[in-house]
């Protein structure tokens, strides 16, 4: 799995590519979230458009990331969830836990709208 980050103002956009199925991917994601929060960045959009497969370990890392961001007073939004991952979110009822958006731009708009 590849992980890239970029910023739009005070919002971090993390783009994941590949499968989220365990170490080292889940550790890398955990470390990235921890690093952003340590730097005071608590508005995060996670782009899952290029993630093909997520297993229970991967789901656990996403849930953990959400908890850490919320504990820091921030918000984690998911964008571009593919069909396979979306089906898993529906089956596990995680669609009720995560805020998901069709595009990264729509997720960014949520953060930008709150500034006004």
PDB file of N, CA and C in Angstrom:
ATOM      1  N   UNK A   1       0.843  -1.183   0.000  1.00  0.00           N
ATOM      2  CA  UNK A   1       0.000   0.000   0.000  1.00  0.00           C
ATOM      3  C   UNK A   1       0.881   1.236   0.000  1.00  0.00           C
ATOM      4  N   UNK A   2       0.440   2.224  -0.717  1.00  0.00           N
ATOM      5  CA  UNK A   2       1.143   3.511  -0.750  1.00  0.00           C
ATOM      6  C   UNK A   2       0.282   4.543  -0.046  1.00  0.00           C
ATOM      7  N   UNK A   3       0.931   5.440   0.665  1.00  0.00           N
ATOM      8  CA  UNK A   3       0.237   6.489   1.404  1.00  0.00           C
ATOM      9  C   UNK A   3       0.856   7.829   1.024  1.00  0.00           C
ATOM     10  N   UNK A   4       0.016   8.750   0.574  1.00  0.00           N
ATOM     11  CA  UNK A   4       0.501  10.088   0.234  1.00  0.00           C
ATOM     12  C   UNK A   4      -0.301  11.103   1.028  1.00  0.00           C
ATOM     13  N   UNK A   5       0.350  12.218   1.350  1.00  0.00           N
ATOM     14  CA  UNK A   5      -0.385  13.289   2.023  1.00  0.00           C
ATOM     15  C   UNK A   5      -0.158  14.596   1.284  1.00  0.00           C
ATOM     16  N   UNK A   6      -1.186  15.423   1.324  1.00  0.00           N
ATOM     17  CA  UNK A   6      -1.056  16.789   0.838  1.00  0.00           C
ATOM     18  C   UNK A   6      -1.973  17.635   1.701  1.00  0.00           C
ATOM     19  N   UNK A   7      -1.813  18.938   1.578  1.00  0.00           N
ATOM     20  CA  UNK A   7      -2.586  19.842   2.419  1.00  0.00           C
ATOM     21  C   UNK A   7      -3.356  20.838   1.587  1.00  0.00           C
ATOM     22  N   UNK A   8      -4.522  21.145   2.065  1.00  0.00           N
ATOM     23  CA  UNK A   8      -5.324  22.225   1.502  1.00  0.00           C
ATOM     24  C   UNK A   8      -5.637  23.128   2.694  1.00  0.00           C
ATOM     25  N   UNK A   9      -4.820  24.163   2.865  1.00  0.00           N
ATOM     26  CA  UNK A   9      -4.937  25.010   4.051  1.00  0.00           C
ATOM     27  C   UNK A   9      -4.580  24.199   5.292  1.00  0.00           C
ATOM     28  N   UNK A  10      -5.492  24.149   6.261  1.00  0.00           N
ATOM     29  CA  UNK A  10      -5.247  23.404   7.498  1.00  0.00           C
ATOM     30  C   UNK A  10      -5.873  22.011   7.477  1.00  0.00           C
ATOM     31  N   UNK A  11      -6.202  21.531   6.274  1.00  0.00           N
ATOM     32  CA  UNK A  11      -6.826  20.225   6.109  1.00  0.00           C
ATOM     33  C   UNK A  11      -5.820  19.277   5.454  1.00  0.00           C
ATOM     34  N   UNK A  12      -5.613  18.119   6.086  1.00  0.00           N
ATOM     35  CA  UNK A  12      -4.731  17.106   5.511  1.00  0.00           C
ATOM     36  C   UNK A  12      -5.553  16.151   4.665  1.00  0.00           C
ATOM     37  N   UNK A  13      -5.032  15.826   3.488  1.00  0.00           N
ATOM     38  CA  UNK A  13      -5.661  14.834   2.622  1.00  0.00           C
ATOM     39  C   UNK A  13      -4.695  13.658   2.527  1.00  0.00           C
ATOM     40  N   UNK A  14      -5.131  12.515   3.027  1.00  0.00           N
ATOM     41  CA  UNK A  14      -4.318  11.302   2.971  1.00  0.00           C
ATOM     42  C   UNK A  14      -4.908  10.405   1.886  1.00  0.00           C
ATOM     43  N   UNK A  15      -4.097  10.071   0.900  1.00  0.00           N
ATOM     44  CA  UNK A  15      -4.538   9.196  -0.185  1.00  0.00           C
ATOM     45  C   UNK A  15      -3.893   7.829  -0.007  1.00  0.00           C
ATOM     46  N   UNK A  16      -4.735   6.808   0.074  1.00  0.00           N
ATOM     47  CA  UNK A  16      -4.255   5.434   0.215  1.00  0.00           C
ATOM     48  C   UNK A  16      -4.413   4.719  -1.122  1.00  0.00           C
ATOM     49  N   UNK A  17      -3.442   3.868  -1.454  1.00  0.00           N
ATOM     50  CA  UNK A  17      -3.510   3.098  -2.695  1.00  0.00           C
ATOM     51  C   UNK A  17      -3.047   1.675  -2.402  1.00  0.00           C
ATOM     52  N   UNK A  18      -3.860   0.707  -2.806  1.00  0.00           N
ATOM     53  CA  UNK A  18      -3.520  -0.696  -2.571  1.00  0.00           C
ATOM     54  C   UNK A  18      -4.516  -1.334  -1.624  1.00  0.00           C
ATOM     55  N   UNK A  19      -4.036  -2.293  -0.841  1.00  0.00           N
ATOM     56  CA  UNK A  19      -4.890  -3.005   0.106  1.00  0.00           C
ATOM     57  C   UNK A  19      -4.547  -2.590   1.532  1.00  0.00           C
ATOM     58  N   UNK A  20      -5.574  -2.511   2.356  1.00  0.00           N
ATOM     59  CA  UNK A  20      -5.392  -2.192   3.775  1.00  0.00           C
ATOM     60  C   UNK A  20      -5.723  -3.464   4.550  1.00  0.00           C
ATOM     61  N   UNK A  21      -4.687  -4.295   4.768  1.00  0.00           N
ATOM     62  CA  UNK A  21      -4.951  -5.629   5.309  1.00  0.00           C
ATOM     63  C   UNK A  21      -4.072  -6.007   6.502  1.00  0.00           C
ATOM     64  N   UNK A  22      -3.240  -5.132   6.984  1.00  0.00           N
ATOM     65  CA  UNK A  22      -2.383  -5.476   8.121  1.00  0.00           C
ATOM     66  C   UNK A  22      -1.054  -4.760   8.029  1.00  0.00           C
ATOM     67  N   UNK A  23      -0.109  -5.208   8.850  1.00  0.00           N
ATOM     68  CA  UNK A  23       1.209  -4.584   8.834  1.00  0.00           C
ATOM     69  C   UNK A  23       1.897  -4.841   7.506  1.00  0.00           C
ATOM     70  N   UNK A  24       2.674  -3.899   7.011  1.00  0.00           N
ATOM     71  CA  UNK A  24       3.039  -2.615   7.597  1.00  0.00           C
ATOM     72  C   UNK A  24       2.040  -1.490   7.288  1.00  0.00           C
ATOM     73  N   UNK A  25       1.026  -1.770   6.464  1.00  0.00           N
ATOM     74  CA  UNK A  25       0.091  -0.724   6.045  1.00  0.00           C
ATOM     75  C   UNK A  25      -0.628  -0.071   7.224  1.00  0.00           C
ATOM     76  N   UNK A  26      -1.150  -0.904   8.123  1.00  0.00           N
ATOM     77  CA  UNK A  26      -1.926  -0.343   9.227  1.00  0.00           C
ATOM     78  C   UNK A  26      -1.045   0.460  10.180  1.00  0.00           C
ATOM     79  N   UNK A  27       0.192   0.014  10.366  1.00  0.00           N
ATOM     80  CA  UNK A  27       1.119   0.762  11.224  1.00  0.00           C
ATOM     81  C   UNK A  27       1.469   2.102  10.586  1.00  0.00           C
ATOM     82  N   UNK A  28       1.675   2.099   9.274  1.00  0.00           N
ATOM     83  CA  UNK A  28       1.996   3.337   8.564  1.00  0.00           C
ATOM     84  C   UNK A  28       0.845   4.341   8.683  1.00  0.00           C
ATOM     85  N   UNK A  29      -0.388   3.841   8.548  1.00  0.00           N
ATOM     86  CA  UNK A  29      -1.552   4.713   8.669  1.00  0.00           C
ATOM     87  C   UNK A  29      -1.664   5.262  10.089  1.00  0.00           C
ATOM     88  N   UNK A  30      -1.487   4.398  11.076  1.00  0.00           N
ATOM     89  CA  UNK A  30      -1.544   4.820  12.481  1.00  0.00           C
ATOM     90  C   UNK A  30      -0.489   5.887  12.772  1.00  0.00           C
ATOM     91  N   UNK A  31       0.713   5.664  12.285  1.00  0.00           N
ATOM     92  CA  UNK A  31       1.804   6.625  12.499  1.00  0.00           C
ATOM     93  C   UNK A  31       1.508   7.960  11.823  1.00  0.00           C
ATOM     94  N   UNK A  32       0.931   7.922  10.614  1.00  0.00           N
ATOM     95  CA  UNK A  32       0.616   9.152   9.878  1.00  0.00           C
ATOM     96  C   UNK A  32      -0.435   9.960  10.632  1.00  0.00           C
ATOM     97  N   UNK A  33      -1.481   9.301  11.118  1.00  0.00           N
ATOM     98  CA  UNK A  33      -2.528   9.986  11.887  1.00  0.00           C
ATOM     99  C   UNK A  33      -1.925  10.591  13.152  1.00  0.00           C
ATOM    100  N   UNK A  34      -1.107   9.814  13.850  1.00  0.00           N
ATOM    101  CA  UNK A  34      -0.457  10.306  15.069  1.00  0.00           C
ATOM    102  C   UNK A  34       0.424  11.512  14.803  1.00  0.00           C
ATOM    103  N   UNK A  35       1.157  11.476  13.706  1.00  0.00           N
ATOM    104  CA  UNK A  35       2.036  12.578  13.329  1.00  0.00           C
ATOM    105  C   UNK A  35       1.240  13.843  13.026  1.00  0.00           C
ATOM    106  N   UNK A  36       0.154  13.702  12.277  1.00  0.00           N
ATOM    107  CA  UNK A  36      -0.687  14.863  11.956  1.00  0.00           C
ATOM    108  C   UNK A  36      -1.266  15.476  13.225  1.00  0.00           C
ATOM    109  N   UNK A  37      -1.784  14.634  14.098  1.00  0.00           N
ATOM    110  CA  UNK A  37      -2.387  15.138  15.341  1.00  0.00           C
ATOM    111  C   UNK A  37      -1.329  15.804  16.222  1.00  0.00           C
ATOM    112  N   UNK A  38      -0.129  15.235  16.270  1.00  0.00           N
ATOM    113  CA  UNK A  38       0.957  15.818  17.063  1.00  0.00           C
ATOM    114  C   UNK A  38       1.339  17.201  16.531  1.00  0.00           C
ATOM    115  N   UNK A  39       1.156  17.405  15.224  1.00  0.00           N
ATOM    116  CA  UNK A  39       1.446  18.699  14.606  1.00  0.00           C
ATOM    117  C   UNK A  39       0.257  19.662  14.686  1.00  0.00           C
ATOM    118  N   UNK A  40      -0.808  19.243  15.370  1.00  0.00           N
ATOM    119  CA  UNK A  40      -1.972  20.118  15.540  1.00  0.00           C
ATOM    120  C   UNK A  40      -2.928  20.105  14.361  1.00  0.00           C
ATOM    121  N   UNK A  41      -2.779  19.131  13.479  1.00  0.00           N
ATOM    122  CA  UNK A  41      -3.671  19.023  12.314  1.00  0.00           C
ATOM    123  C   UNK A  41      -4.740  17.992  12.635  1.00  0.00           C
ATOM    124  N   UNK A  42      -5.969  18.464  12.786  1.00  0.00           N
ATOM    125  CA  UNK A  42      -7.038  17.549  13.201  1.00  0.00           C
ATOM    126  C   UNK A  42      -8.207  17.500  12.224  1.00  0.00           C
ATOM    127  N   UNK A  43      -8.045  18.129  11.063  1.00  0.00           N
ATOM    128  CA  UNK A  43      -9.042  18.030   9.994  1.00  0.00           C
ATOM    129  C   UNK A  43      -8.421  17.157   8.916  1.00  0.00           C
ATOM    130  N   UNK A  44      -8.981  15.965   8.757  1.00  0.00           N
ATOM    131  CA  UNK A  44      -8.358  14.991   7.868  1.00  0.00           C
ATOM    132  C   UNK A  44      -9.397  14.382   6.926  1.00  0.00           C
ATOM    133  N   UNK A  45      -9.038  14.361   5.647  1.00  0.00           N
ATOM    134  CA  UNK A  45      -9.837  13.670   4.635  1.00  0.00           C
ATOM    135  C   UNK A  45      -9.010  12.476   4.185  1.00  0.00           C
ATOM    136  N   UNK A  46      -9.588  11.282   4.242  1.00  0.00           N
ATOM    137  CA  UNK A  46      -8.900  10.080   3.798  1.00  0.00           C
ATOM    138  C   UNK A  46      -9.527   9.626   2.477  1.00  0.00           C
ATOM    139  N   UNK A  47      -8.732   9.678   1.418  1.00  0.00           N
ATOM    140  CA  UNK A  47      -9.171   9.293   0.075  1.00  0.00           C
ATOM    141  C   UNK A  47      -8.924   7.797  -0.109  1.00  0.00           C
ATOM    142  N   UNK A  48     -10.008   7.021  -0.172  1.00  0.00           N
ATOM    143  CA  UNK A  48      -9.903   5.572  -0.312  1.00  0.00           C
ATOM    144  C   UNK A  48     -10.214   5.098  -1.736  1.00  0.00           C
ATOM    145  N   UNK A  49     -10.191   6.010  -2.696  1.00  0.00           N
ATOM    146  CA  UNK A  49     -10.564   5.689  -4.062  1.00  0.00           C
ATOM    147  C   UNK A  49      -9.707   4.625  -4.728  1.00  0.00           C
ATOM    148  N   UNK A  50      -8.473   4.457  -4.271  1.00  0.00           N
ATOM    149  CA  UNK A  50      -7.581   3.469  -4.882  1.00  0.00           C
ATOM    150  C   UNK A  50      -7.323   2.279  -3.959  1.00  0.00           C
ATOM    151  N   UNK A  51      -8.161   2.143  -2.920  1.00  0.00           N
ATOM    152  CA  UNK A  51      -8.060   0.991  -2.025  1.00  0.00           C
ATOM    153  C   UNK A  51      -8.999  -0.093  -2.565  1.00  0.00           C
ATOM    154  N   UNK A  52      -8.423  -1.242  -2.880  1.00  0.00           N
ATOM    155  CA  UNK A  52      -9.217  -2.309  -3.481  1.00  0.00           C
ATOM    156  C   UNK A  52      -9.807  -3.261  -2.442  1.00  0.00           C
ATOM    157  N   UNK A  53      -9.078  -3.493  -1.360  1.00  0.00           N
ATOM    158  CA  UNK A  53      -9.508  -4.493  -0.386  1.00  0.00           C
ATOM    159  C   UNK A  53      -9.152  -4.047   1.031  1.00  0.00           C
ATOM    160  N   UNK A  54     -10.080  -4.253   1.936  1.00  0.00           N
ATOM    161  CA  UNK A  54      -9.864  -3.977   3.357  1.00  0.00           C
ATOM    162  C   UNK A  54     -10.338  -5.203   4.123  1.00  0.00           C
ATOM    163  N   UNK A  55      -9.532  -5.704   5.045  1.00  0.00           N
ATOM    164  CA  UNK A  55      -9.965  -6.820   5.886  1.00  0.00           C
ATOM    165  C   UNK A  55     -10.260  -6.303   7.288  1.00  0.00           C
ATOM    166  N   UNK A  56     -10.471  -7.217   8.233  1.00  0.00           N
ATOM    167  CA  UNK A  56     -10.842  -6.800   9.588  1.00  0.00           C
ATOM    168  C   UNK A  56      -9.741  -5.978  10.257  1.00  0.00           C
ATOM    169  N   UNK A  57      -8.491  -6.294   9.982  1.00  0.00           N
ATOM    170  CA  UNK A  57      -7.378  -5.524  10.543  1.00  0.00           C
ATOM    171  C   UNK A  57      -7.390  -4.100   9.990  1.00  0.00           C
ATOM    172  N   UNK A  58      -7.646  -3.996   8.688  1.00  0.00           N
ATOM    173  CA  UNK A  58      -7.736  -2.679   8.054  1.00  0.00           C
ATOM    174  C   UNK A  58      -8.894  -1.871   8.604  1.00  0.00           C
ATOM    175  N   UNK A  59     -10.047  -2.522   8.795  1.00  0.00           N
ATOM    176  CA  UNK A  59     -11.202  -1.833   9.401  1.00  0.00           C
ATOM    177  C   UNK A  59     -10.853  -1.342  10.799  1.00  0.00           C
ATOM    178  N   UNK A  60     -10.158  -2.185  11.550  1.00  0.00           N
ATOM    179  CA  UNK A  60      -9.748  -1.798  12.900  1.00  0.00           C
ATOM    180  C   UNK A  60      -8.859  -0.573  12.892  1.00  0.00           C
ATOM    181  N   UNK A  61      -7.969  -0.485  11.905  1.00  0.00           N
ATOM    182  CA  UNK A  61      -7.077   0.679  11.843  1.00  0.00           C
ATOM    183  C   UNK A  61      -7.856   1.944  11.475  1.00  0.00           C
ATOM    184  N   UNK A  62      -8.866   1.817  10.618  1.00  0.00           N
ATOM    185  CA  UNK A  62      -9.703   2.975  10.283  1.00  0.00           C
ATOM    186  C   UNK A  62     -10.507   3.435  11.494  1.00  0.00           C
ATOM    187  N   UNK A  63     -11.051   2.482  12.236  1.00  0.00           N
ATOM    188  CA  UNK A  63     -11.825   2.814  13.444  1.00  0.00           C
ATOM    189  C   UNK A  63     -10.915   3.459  14.489  1.00  0.00           C
ATOM    190  N   UNK A  64      -9.715   2.919  14.635  1.00  0.00           N
ATOM    191  CA  UNK A  64      -8.745   3.490  15.573  1.00  0.00           C
ATOM    192  C   UNK A  64      -8.381   4.917  15.181  1.00  0.00           C
ATOM    193  N   UNK A  65      -8.159   5.133  13.888  1.00  0.00           N
ATOM    194  CA  UNK A  65      -7.830   6.479  13.403  1.00  0.00           C
ATOM    195  C   UNK A  65      -8.967   7.446  13.706  1.00  0.00           C
ATOM    196  N   UNK A  66     -10.190   7.013  13.463  1.00  0.00           N
ATOM    197  CA  UNK A  66     -11.349   7.855  13.747  1.00  0.00           C
ATOM    198  C   UNK A  66     -11.407   8.221  15.231  1.00  0.00           C
ATOM    199  N   UNK A  67     -11.189   7.247  16.095  1.00  0.00           N
ATOM    200  CA  UNK A  67     -11.203   7.494  17.539  1.00  0.00           C
ATOM    201  C   UNK A  67     -10.135   8.483  17.972  1.00  0.00           C
ATOM    202  N   UNK A  68      -8.926   8.320  17.441  1.00  0.00           N
ATOM    203  CA  UNK A  68      -7.827   9.224  17.807  1.00  0.00           C
ATOM    204  C   UNK A  68      -8.105  10.651  17.358  1.00  0.00           C
ATOM    205  N   UNK A  69      -8.622  10.786  16.137  1.00  0.00           N
ATOM    206  CA  UNK A  69      -8.927  12.122  15.624  1.00  0.00           C
ATOM    207  C   UNK A  69     -10.036  12.767  16.454  1.00  0.00           C
ATOM    208  N   UNK A  70     -11.072  12.017  16.762  1.00  0.00           N
ATOM    209  CA  UNK A  70     -12.169  12.552  17.581  1.00  0.00           C
ATOM    210  C   UNK A  70     -11.693  12.919  18.988  1.00  0.00           C
ATOM    211  N   UNK A  71     -10.841  12.068  19.570  1.00  0.00           N
ATOM    212  CA  UNK A  71     -10.304  12.356  20.911  1.00  0.00           C
ATOM    213  C   UNK A  71      -9.497  13.647  20.914  1.00  0.00           C
ATOM    214  N   UNK A  72      -8.892  13.979  19.777  1.00  0.00           N
ATOM    215  CA  UNK A  72      -8.098  15.208  19.659  1.00  0.00           C
ATOM    216  C   UNK A  72      -8.976  16.412  19.302  1.00  0.00           C
ATOM    217  N   UNK A  73     -10.290  16.181  19.235  1.00  0.00           N
ATOM    218  CA  UNK A  73     -11.203  17.278  18.911  1.00  0.00           C
ATOM    219  C   UNK A  73     -11.319  17.553  17.431  1.00  0.00           C
ATOM    220  N   UNK A  74     -10.857  16.613  16.622  1.00  0.00           N
ATOM    221  CA  UNK A  74     -10.870  16.806  15.179  1.00  0.00           C
ATOM    222  C   UNK A  74     -11.954  16.016  14.491  1.00  0.00           C
ATOM    223  N   UNK A  75     -11.821  15.957  13.168  1.00  0.00           N
ATOM    224  CA  UNK A  75     -12.810  15.264  12.352  1.00  0.00           C
ATOM    225  C   UNK A  75     -12.095  14.531  11.232  1.00  0.00           C
ATOM    226  N   UNK A  76     -12.500  13.270  11.017  1.00  0.00           N
ATOM    227  CA  UNK A  76     -11.965  12.446   9.942  1.00  0.00           C
ATOM    228  C   UNK A  76     -13.106  12.118   8.989  1.00  0.00           C
ATOM    229  N   UNK A  77     -12.920  12.484   7.717  1.00  0.00           N
ATOM    230  CA  UNK A  77     -13.917  12.210   6.688  1.00  0.00           C
ATOM    231  C   UNK A  77     -13.318  11.252   5.673  1.00  0.00           C
ATOM    232  N   UNK A  78     -14.122  10.331   5.172  1.00  0.00           N
ATOM    233  CA  UNK A  78     -13.673   9.391   4.155  1.00  0.00           C
ATOM    234  C   UNK A  78     -14.271   9.779   2.809  1.00  0.00           C
ATOM    235  N   UNK A  79     -13.469   9.655   1.761  1.00  0.00           N
ATOM    236  CA  UNK A  79     -13.928  10.032   0.421  1.00  0.00           C
ATOM    237  C   UNK A  79     -13.597   8.937  -0.582  1.00  0.00           C
ATOM    238  N   UNK A  80     -14.390   8.892  -1.637  1.00  0.00           N
ATOM    239  CA  UNK A  80     -14.173   8.008  -2.784  1.00  0.00           C
ATOM    240  C   UNK A  80     -14.043   6.540  -2.392  1.00  0.00           C
ATOM    241  N   UNK A  81     -14.962   6.051  -1.611  1.00  0.00           N
ATOM    242  CA  UNK A  81     -14.916   4.660  -1.186  1.00  0.00           C
ATOM    243  C   UNK A  81     -15.385   3.776  -2.345  1.00  0.00           C
ATOM    244  N   UNK A  82     -14.557   2.813  -2.738  1.00  0.00           N
ATOM    245  CA  UNK A  82     -14.895   1.905  -3.830  1.00  0.00           C
ATOM    246  C   UNK A  82     -16.012   0.944  -3.443  1.00  0.00           C
ATOM    247  N   UNK A  83     -16.563   0.282  -4.437  1.00  0.00           N
ATOM    248  CA  UNK A  83     -17.706  -0.610  -4.211  1.00  0.00           C
ATOM    249  C   UNK A  83     -17.414  -1.725  -3.216  1.00  0.00           C
ATOM    250  N   UNK A  84     -16.249  -2.381  -3.339  1.00  0.00           N
ATOM    251  CA  UNK A  84     -15.925  -3.475  -2.417  1.00  0.00           C
ATOM    252  C   UNK A  84     -15.858  -2.993  -0.977  1.00  0.00           C
ATOM    253  N   UNK A  85     -15.187  -1.887  -0.772  1.00  0.00           N
ATOM    254  CA  UNK A  85     -15.045  -1.339   0.580  1.00  0.00           C
ATOM    255  C   UNK A  85     -16.397  -0.814   1.072  1.00  0.00           C
ATOM    256  N   UNK A  86     -17.150  -0.183   0.198  1.00  0.00           N
ATOM    257  CA  UNK A  86     -18.475   0.322   0.564  1.00  0.00           C
ATOM    258  C   UNK A  86     -19.379  -0.829   1.019  1.00  0.00           C
ATOM    259  N   UNK A  87     -19.351  -1.945   0.293  1.00  0.00           N
ATOM    260  CA  UNK A  87     -20.156  -3.101   0.679  1.00  0.00           C
ATOM    261  C   UNK A  87     -19.766  -3.593   2.066  1.00  0.00           C
ATOM    262  N   UNK A  88     -18.479  -3.607   2.355  1.00  0.00           N
ATOM    263  CA  UNK A  88     -17.995  -4.016   3.674  1.00  0.00           C
ATOM    264  C   UNK A  88     -18.489  -3.049   4.751  1.00  0.00           C
ATOM    265  N   UNK A  89     -18.483  -1.748   4.442  1.00  0.00           N
ATOM    266  CA  UNK A  89     -18.975  -0.747   5.391  1.00  0.00           C
ATOM    267  C   UNK A  89     -20.467  -0.942   5.661  1.00  0.00           C
ATOM    268  N   UNK A  90     -21.219  -1.315   4.642  1.00  0.00           N
ATOM    269  CA  UNK A  90     -22.659  -1.542   4.819  1.00  0.00           C
ATOM    270  C   UNK A  90     -22.882  -2.784   5.685  1.00  0.00           C
ATOM    271  N   UNK A  91     -22.197  -3.874   5.364  1.00  0.00           N
ATOM    272  CA  UNK A  91     -22.358  -5.130   6.106  1.00  0.00           C
ATOM    273  C   UNK A  91     -22.008  -4.950   7.579  1.00  0.00           C
ATOM    274  N   UNK A  92     -20.936  -4.210   7.852  1.00  0.00           N
ATOM    275  CA  UNK A  92     -20.468  -4.019   9.230  1.00  0.00           C
ATOM    276  C   UNK A  92     -21.140  -2.846   9.943  1.00  0.00           C
ATOM    277  N   UNK A  93     -22.034  -2.164   9.225  1.00  0.00           N
ATOM    278  CA  UNK A  93     -22.744  -1.001   9.761  1.00  0.00           C
ATOM    279  C   UNK A  93     -21.834   0.195  10.023  1.00  0.00           C
ATOM    280  N   UNK A  94     -20.626   0.174   9.474  1.00  0.00           N
ATOM    281  CA  UNK A  94     -19.708   1.304   9.660  1.00  0.00           C
ATOM    282  C   UNK A  94     -20.141   2.530   8.867  1.00  0.00           C
ATOM    283  N   UNK A  95     -21.104   2.365   7.961  1.00  0.00           N
ATOM    284  CA  UNK A  95     -21.646   3.529   7.257  1.00  0.00           C
ATOM    285  C   UNK A  95     -22.321   4.477   8.242  1.00  0.00           C
ATOM    286  N   UNK A  96     -22.711   3.956   9.401  1.00  0.00           N
ATOM    287  CA  UNK A  96     -23.344   4.783  10.437  1.00  0.00           C
ATOM    288  C   UNK A  96     -22.307   5.465  11.329  1.00  0.00           C
ATOM    289  N   UNK A  97     -21.063   5.019  11.241  1.00  0.00           N
ATOM    290  CA  UNK A  97     -19.992   5.529  12.112  1.00  0.00           C
ATOM    291  C   UNK A  97     -19.156   6.593  11.406  1.00  0.00           C
ATOM    292  N   UNK A  98     -18.835   6.338  10.143  1.00  0.00           N
ATOM    293  CA  UNK A  98     -17.976   7.242   9.379  1.00  0.00           C
ATOM    294  C   UNK A  98     -18.800   8.207   8.541  1.00  0.00           C
ATOM    295  N   UNK A  99     -18.277   9.415   8.386  1.00  0.00           N
ATOM    296  CA  UNK A  99     -18.848  10.375   7.437  1.00  0.00           C
ATOM    297  C   UNK A  99     -18.150  10.125   6.104  1.00  0.00           C
ATOM    298  N   UNK A 100     -18.928   9.744   5.092  1.00  0.00           N
ATOM    299  CA  UNK A 100     -18.349   9.414   3.797  1.00  0.00           C
ATOM    300  C   UNK A 100     -18.883  10.344   2.709  1.00  0.00           C
ATOM    301  N   UNK A 101     -18.031  10.611   1.725  1.00  0.00           N
ATOM    302  CA  UNK A 101     -18.368  11.531   0.642  1.00  0.00           C
ATOM    303  C   UNK A 101     -17.933  10.940  -0.694  1.00  0.00           C
ATOM    304  N   UNK A 102     -18.667  11.295  -1.743  1.00  0.00           N
ATOM    305  CA  UNK A 102     -18.381  10.758  -3.077  1.00  0.00           C
ATOM    306  C   UNK A 102     -17.041  11.228  -3.619  1.00  0.00           C
ATOM    307  N   UNK A 103     -16.648  12.448  -3.283  1.00  0.00           N
ATOM    308  CA  UNK A 103     -15.392  13.003  -3.791  1.00  0.00           C
ATOM    309  C   UNK A 103     -14.621  13.674  -2.659  1.00  0.00           C
ATOM    310  N   UNK A 104     -13.333  13.862  -2.899  1.00  0.00           N
ATOM    311  CA  UNK A 104     -12.493  14.592  -1.939  1.00  0.00           C
ATOM    312  C   UNK A 104     -12.975  16.036  -1.833  1.00  0.00           C
ATOM    313  N   UNK A 105     -13.354  16.629  -2.968  1.00  0.00           N
ATOM    314  CA  UNK A 105     -13.820  18.018  -2.959  1.00  0.00           C
ATOM    315  C   UNK A 105     -15.051  18.205  -2.082  1.00  0.00           C
ATOM    316  N   UNK A 106     -15.966  17.245  -2.108  1.00  0.00           N
ATOM    317  CA  UNK A 106     -17.158  17.351  -1.250  1.00  0.00           C
ATOM    318  C   UNK A 106     -16.785  17.263   0.225  1.00  0.00           C
ATOM    319  N   UNK A 107     -15.842  16.392   0.540  1.00  0.00           N
ATOM    320  CA  UNK A 107     -15.395  16.295   1.931  1.00  0.00           C
ATOM    321  C   UNK A 107     -14.699  17.587   2.363  1.00  0.00           C
ATOM    322  N   UNK A 108     -13.866  18.153   1.483  1.00  0.00           N
ATOM    323  CA  UNK A 108     -13.203  19.418   1.789  1.00  0.00           C
ATOM    324  C   UNK A 108     -14.232  20.530   2.002  1.00  0.00           C
ATOM    325  N   UNK A 109     -15.297  20.507   1.214  1.00  0.00           N
ATOM    326  CA  UNK A 109     -16.329  21.535   1.321  1.00  0.00           C
ATOM    327  C   UNK A 109     -16.982  21.530   2.700  1.00  0.00           C
ATOM    328  N   UNK A 110     -17.068  20.358   3.315  1.00  0.00           N
ATOM    329  CA  UNK A 110     -17.646  20.274   4.665  1.00  0.00           C
ATOM    330  C   UNK A 110     -16.795  21.080   5.645  1.00  0.00           C
ATOM    331  N   UNK A 111     -15.484  20.915   5.577  1.00  0.00           N
ATOM    332  CA  UNK A 111     -14.588  21.661   6.452  1.00  0.00           C
ATOM    333  C   UNK A 111     -14.626  23.156   6.137  1.00  0.00           C
ATOM    334  N   UNK A 112     -14.635  23.490   4.866  1.00  0.00           N
ATOM    335  CA  UNK A 112     -14.621  24.895   4.464  1.00  0.00           C
ATOM    336  C   UNK A 112     -15.914  25.602   4.817  1.00  0.00           C
ATOM    337  N   UNK A 113     -17.032  24.897   4.760  1.00  0.00           N
ATOM    338  CA  UNK A 113     -18.327  25.482   5.103  1.00  0.00           C
ATOM    339  C   UNK A 113     -18.397  25.833   6.584  1.00  0.00           C
ATOM    340  N   UNK A 114     -17.707  25.061   7.412  1.00  0.00           N
ATOM    341  CA  UNK A 114     -17.726  25.303   8.857  1.00  0.00           C
ATOM    342  C   UNK A 114     -16.918  26.534   9.261  1.00  0.00           C
ATOM    343  N   UNK A 115     -16.044  27.005   8.366  1.00  0.00           N
ATOM    344  CA  UNK A 115     -15.243  28.188   8.666  1.00  0.00           C
ATOM    345  C   UNK A 115     -16.075  29.462   8.564  1.00  0.00           C
ATOM    346  N   UNK A 116     -17.109  29.428   7.725  1.00  0.00           N
ATOM    347  CA  UNK A 116     -17.904  30.624   7.464  1.00  0.00           C
ATOM    348  C   UNK A 116     -18.819  30.944   8.611  1.00  0.00           C
TER     349      UNK A 116
END
